[in-house]
Amino acid sequence: MATVYLSLGSNLGDKRRNIRRAIKKIGEQIGDVVRQSALYDTEPWGFESENTFVNAAVCVETTLEPHDLLATTQAIEREMGRKRKSKNGIYHDRVIDIDILLYDDLTIDTPDLRIPHPLMYERDFVMVPLKEILDEGEVKRS
C-alpha cells in the first residue's frame, strides 16, 4: 500500500462541487482518502482568467503503481469533462485538475511523470492545503 498526496483544482462551473465529486471518484477508483484539506479560494497561477480557483489536497492509500495512478487521475479528469491538459507551461481554465504531488518517498523523472511534482514548492495553492494534511517532516524540499 502506497501513500500518495494529490492536489486538486477547479475554476469552471460549480467549483466546490467539482472538487467534492473528484474526491469521491478518487475514493472509488484510486484508494482510501485518509486525509483531506479544507477548500481554498485562489487566483489563477501561470495564466490570465476571470475565473478564480478552488483548490484542495488529499492523502490517499492506494495499491496503484505510479503510472497507473497517473492514468487513473487523467481518466477521472476526462470523466468530469476536462478537454485538454496544460502543456509546456500553457495553462487553461478547467473543470478539474488532479496532480500527483508525492508517492511515498519515490522520485520519478520520466517524460510523462515527475514525482515529487516539480512546481509544487512554487505554488501556495498547492503547499498550503498540502501542509494542512501532511504528517510532520513528511515532505522535504528537494
C-alpha atoms as a PDB file:
ATOM      1  CA  MET A   1       0.000   0.000   0.000  1.00  0.00           C
ATOM      2  CA  ALA A   2       1.404   3.373  -1.008  1.00  0.00           C
ATOM      3  CA  THR A   3       0.629   6.778   0.483  1.00  0.00           C
ATOM      4  CA  VAL A   4       0.091   9.450  -2.150  1.00  0.00           C
ATOM      5  CA  TYR A   5      -0.723  13.133  -1.988  1.00  0.00           C
ATOM      6  CA  LEU A   6      -2.800  14.728  -4.717  1.00  0.00           C
ATOM      7  CA  SER A   7      -3.573  18.362  -5.454  1.00  0.00           C
ATOM      8  CA  LEU A   8      -6.986  19.266  -6.878  1.00  0.00           C
ATOM      9  CA  GLY A   9      -8.131  22.453  -8.559  1.00  0.00           C
ATOM     10  CA  SER A  10     -11.221  23.692 -10.379  1.00  0.00           C
ATOM     11  CA  ASN A  11     -12.124  27.061 -11.900  1.00  0.00           C
ATOM     12  CA  LEU A  12     -15.164  26.252 -14.047  1.00  0.00           C
ATOM     13  CA  GLY A  13     -18.760  25.518 -13.092  1.00  0.00           C
ATOM     14  CA  ASP A  14     -19.645  24.678  -9.505  1.00  0.00           C
ATOM     15  CA  LYS A  15     -16.021  24.542  -8.353  1.00  0.00           C
ATOM     16  CA  ARG A  16     -16.652  23.275  -4.828  1.00  0.00           C
ATOM     17  CA  ARG A  17     -18.938  20.542  -6.127  1.00  0.00           C
ATOM     18  CA  ASN A  18     -16.301  19.610  -8.742  1.00  0.00           C
ATOM     19  CA  ILE A  19     -13.686  19.150  -6.021  1.00  0.00           C
ATOM     20  CA  ARG A  20     -16.055  17.070  -3.846  1.00  0.00           C
ATOM     21  CA  ARG A  21     -17.022  14.957  -6.868  1.00  0.00           C
ATOM     22  CA  ALA A  22     -13.363  14.389  -7.793  1.00  0.00           C
ATOM     23  CA  ILE A  23     -12.560  13.321  -4.219  1.00  0.00           C
ATOM     24  CA  LYS A  24     -15.452  10.848  -4.327  1.00  0.00           C
ATOM     25  CA  LYS A  25     -14.132   9.416  -7.623  1.00  0.00           C
ATOM     26  CA  ILE A  26     -10.618   9.217  -6.183  1.00  0.00           C
ATOM     27  CA  GLY A  27     -12.012   7.182  -3.291  1.00  0.00           C
ATOM     28  CA  GLU A  28     -13.828   4.864  -5.707  1.00  0.00           C
ATOM     29  CA  GLN A  29     -11.076   4.429  -8.307  1.00  0.00           C
ATOM     30  CA  ILE A  30      -7.741   5.058  -6.570  1.00  0.00           C
ATOM     31  CA  GLY A  31      -7.996   4.141  -2.896  1.00  0.00           C
ATOM     32  CA  ASP A  32      -8.983   5.251   0.590  1.00  0.00           C
ATOM     33  CA  VAL A  33      -8.920   9.022   1.058  1.00  0.00           C
ATOM     34  CA  VAL A  34      -7.439   9.175   4.566  1.00  0.00           C
ATOM     35  CA  ARG A  35      -6.980  12.955   4.865  1.00  0.00           C
ATOM     36  CA  GLN A  36      -8.487  15.908   3.077  1.00  0.00           C
ATOM     37  CA  SER A  37      -7.664  19.608   3.356  1.00  0.00           C
ATOM     38  CA  ALA A  38     -10.102  22.469   3.530  1.00  0.00           C
ATOM     39  CA  LEU A  39     -11.174  24.066   0.243  1.00  0.00           C
ATOM     40  CA  TYR A  40      -9.203  27.199  -0.645  1.00  0.00           C
ATOM     41  CA  ASP A  41     -10.224  30.034  -2.961  1.00  0.00           C
ATOM     42  CA  THR A  42      -7.216  31.096  -5.042  1.00  0.00           C
ATOM     43  CA  GLU A  43      -6.259  33.234  -8.007  1.00  0.00           C
ATOM     44  CA  PRO A  44      -5.159  31.694 -11.331  1.00  0.00           C
ATOM     45  CA  TRP A  45      -1.445  30.893 -11.497  1.00  0.00           C
ATOM     46  CA  GLY A  46       0.551  30.986 -14.723  1.00  0.00           C
ATOM     47  CA  PHE A  47      -2.240  32.363 -16.916  1.00  0.00           C
ATOM     48  CA  GLU A  48      -4.902  35.056 -17.099  1.00  0.00           C
ATOM     49  CA  SER A  49      -8.500  34.122 -16.341  1.00  0.00           C
ATOM     50  CA  GLU A  50     -11.587  35.831 -14.982  1.00  0.00           C
ATOM     51  CA  ASN A  51     -12.326  32.608 -13.072  1.00  0.00           C
ATOM     52  CA  THR A  52     -10.837  32.062  -9.632  1.00  0.00           C
ATOM     53  CA  PHE A  53      -9.956  28.572  -8.438  1.00  0.00           C
ATOM     54  CA  VAL A  54     -10.952  26.310  -5.605  1.00  0.00           C
ATOM     55  CA  ASN A  55      -8.023  24.110  -4.515  1.00  0.00           C
ATOM     56  CA  ALA A  56      -7.582  21.246  -2.075  1.00  0.00           C
ATOM     57  CA  ALA A  57      -5.231  18.380  -1.291  1.00  0.00           C
ATOM     58  CA  VAL A  58      -5.909  14.784  -0.325  1.00  0.00           C
ATOM     59  CA  CYS A  59      -3.876  11.926   1.087  1.00  0.00           C
ATOM     60  CA  VAL A  60      -4.784   8.551  -0.405  1.00  0.00           C
ATOM     61  CA  GLU A  61      -3.710   4.993   0.335  1.00  0.00           C
ATOM     62  CA  THR A  62      -3.518   3.093  -2.931  1.00  0.00           C
ATOM     63  CA  THR A  63      -2.315  -0.129  -4.483  1.00  0.00           C
ATOM     64  CA  LEU A  64      -1.856   1.557  -7.874  1.00  0.00           C
ATOM     65  CA  GLU A  65       1.659   1.908  -9.232  1.00  0.00           C
ATOM     66  CA  PRO A  66       2.715   5.496 -10.107  1.00  0.00           C
ATOM     67  CA  HIS A  67       1.991   5.345 -13.857  1.00  0.00           C
ATOM     68  CA  ASP A  68      -1.335   3.574 -13.249  1.00  0.00           C
ATOM     69  CA  LEU A  69      -2.168   6.307 -10.743  1.00  0.00           C
ATOM     70  CA  LEU A  70      -1.406   8.936 -13.388  1.00  0.00           C
ATOM     71  CA  ALA A  71      -3.617   7.171 -15.935  1.00  0.00           C
ATOM     72  CA  THR A  72      -6.446   6.958 -13.395  1.00  0.00           C
ATOM     73  CA  THR A  73      -6.240  10.629 -12.374  1.00  0.00           C
ATOM     74  CA  GLN A  74      -6.305  11.625 -16.039  1.00  0.00           C
ATOM     75  CA  ALA A  75      -9.295   9.337 -16.656  1.00  0.00           C
ATOM     76  CA  ILE A  76     -11.151  10.999 -13.764  1.00  0.00           C
ATOM     77  CA  GLU A  77     -10.370  14.413 -15.269  1.00  0.00           C
ATOM     78  CA  ARG A  78     -11.801  13.286 -18.623  1.00  0.00           C
ATOM     79  CA  GLU A  79     -14.883  11.727 -16.948  1.00  0.00           C
ATOM     80  CA  MET A  80     -15.546  15.084 -15.318  1.00  0.00           C
ATOM     81  CA  GLY A  81     -15.282  16.971 -18.605  1.00  0.00           C
ATOM     82  CA  ARG A  82     -11.697  18.136 -18.855  1.00  0.00           C
ATOM     83  CA  LYS A  83     -10.948  18.610 -22.544  1.00  0.00           C
ATOM     84  CA  ARG A  84      -7.234  19.400 -22.634  1.00  0.00           C
ATOM     85  CA  LYS A  85      -4.193  19.172 -20.398  1.00  0.00           C
ATOM     86  CA  SER A  86      -1.754  22.010 -19.833  1.00  0.00           C
ATOM     87  CA  LYS A  87       1.413  21.552 -21.830  1.00  0.00           C
ATOM     88  CA  ASN A  88       4.721  23.397 -21.994  1.00  0.00           C
ATOM     89  CA  GLY A  89       3.666  25.904 -19.347  1.00  0.00           C
ATOM     90  CA  ILE A  90       0.488  26.910 -21.197  1.00  0.00           C
ATOM     91  CA  TYR A  91      -2.474  26.717 -18.825  1.00  0.00           C
ATOM     92  CA  HIS A  92      -6.234  26.822 -19.441  1.00  0.00           C
ATOM     93  CA  ASP A  93      -9.447  27.037 -17.445  1.00  0.00           C
ATOM     94  CA  ARG A  94     -10.541  23.592 -16.279  1.00  0.00           C
ATOM     95  CA  VAL A  95     -13.385  21.759 -14.624  1.00  0.00           C
ATOM     96  CA  ILE A  96     -10.876  19.691 -12.644  1.00  0.00           C
ATOM     97  CA  ASP A  97      -7.135  19.285 -12.385  1.00  0.00           C
ATOM     98  CA  ILE A  98      -5.578  16.472 -10.372  1.00  0.00           C
ATOM     99  CA  ASP A  99      -1.816  16.487  -9.865  1.00  0.00           C
ATOM    100  CA  ILE A 100       0.277  13.824  -8.174  1.00  0.00           C
ATOM    101  CA  LEU A 101       2.448  15.607  -5.629  1.00  0.00           C
ATOM    102  CA  LEU A 102       4.097  12.791  -3.681  1.00  0.00           C
ATOM    103  CA  TYR A 103       4.125   8.998  -3.871  1.00  0.00           C
ATOM    104  CA  ASP A 104       5.674   7.510  -0.734  1.00  0.00           C
ATOM    105  CA  ASP A 105       9.316   8.622  -0.854  1.00  0.00           C
ATOM    106  CA  LEU A 106       9.740   7.854  -4.560  1.00  0.00           C
ATOM    107  CA  THR A 107      11.466  10.144  -7.015  1.00  0.00           C
ATOM    108  CA  ILE A 108      10.341   9.629 -10.608  1.00  0.00           C
ATOM    109  CA  ASP A 109      11.556  11.651 -13.574  1.00  0.00           C
ATOM    110  CA  THR A 110      10.102  10.419 -16.853  1.00  0.00           C
ATOM    111  CA  PRO A 111       8.741  12.446 -19.770  1.00  0.00           C
ATOM    112  CA  ASP A 112       5.139  11.869 -18.643  1.00  0.00           C
ATOM    113  CA  LEU A 113       5.510  11.764 -14.837  1.00  0.00           C
ATOM    114  CA  ARG A 114       7.635  13.673 -12.334  1.00  0.00           C
ATOM    115  CA  ILE A 115       7.350  12.970  -8.605  1.00  0.00           C
ATOM    116  CA  PRO A 116       7.682  14.954  -6.430  1.00  0.00           C
ATOM    117  CA  HIS A 117       5.717  17.419  -8.535  1.00  0.00           C
ATOM    118  CA  PRO A 118       8.392  19.793  -9.900  1.00  0.00           C
ATOM    119  CA  LEU A 119       6.472  23.044  -9.314  1.00  0.00           C
ATOM    120  CA  MET A 120       4.707  22.299  -6.036  1.00  0.00           C
ATOM    121  CA  TYR A 121       7.103  24.352  -3.890  1.00  0.00           C
ATOM    122  CA  GLU A 122       6.455  27.430  -6.055  1.00  0.00           C
ATOM    123  CA  ARG A 123       2.683  27.250  -5.631  1.00  0.00           C
ATOM    124  CA  ASP A 124       0.996  28.387  -2.426  1.00  0.00           C
ATOM    125  CA  PHE A 125      -2.295  26.991  -3.754  1.00  0.00           C
ATOM    126  CA  VAL A 126      -0.632  23.561  -3.572  1.00  0.00           C
ATOM    127  CA  MET A 127       1.564  23.921  -0.490  1.00  0.00           C
ATOM    128  CA  VAL A 128      -0.993  25.476   1.895  1.00  0.00           C
ATOM    129  CA  PRO A 129      -3.529  22.620   1.530  1.00  0.00           C
ATOM    130  CA  LEU A 130      -0.725  20.038   1.407  1.00  0.00           C
ATOM    131  CA  LYS A 131       0.880  21.255   4.632  1.00  0.00           C
ATOM    132  CA  GLU A 132      -2.531  21.111   6.296  1.00  0.00           C
ATOM    133  CA  ILE A 133      -2.739  17.331   5.796  1.00  0.00           C
ATOM    134  CA  LEU A 134       0.931  16.292   5.937  1.00  0.00           C
ATOM    135  CA  ASP A 135       2.403  14.492   8.894  1.00  0.00           C
ATOM    136  CA  GLU A 136       5.284  16.462  10.446  1.00  0.00           C
ATOM    137  CA  GLY A 137       8.508  16.077   8.472  1.00  0.00           C
ATOM    138  CA  GLU A 138       6.814  14.129   5.679  1.00  0.00           C
ATOM    139  CA  VAL A 139       7.908  16.436   2.853  1.00  0.00           C
ATOM    140  CA  LYS A 140      11.353  17.895   2.418  1.00  0.00           C
ATOM    141  CA  ARG A 141      12.341  20.458  -0.152  1.00  0.00           C
ATOM    142  CA  SER A 142      14.294  18.703  -2.888  1.00  0.00           C
END
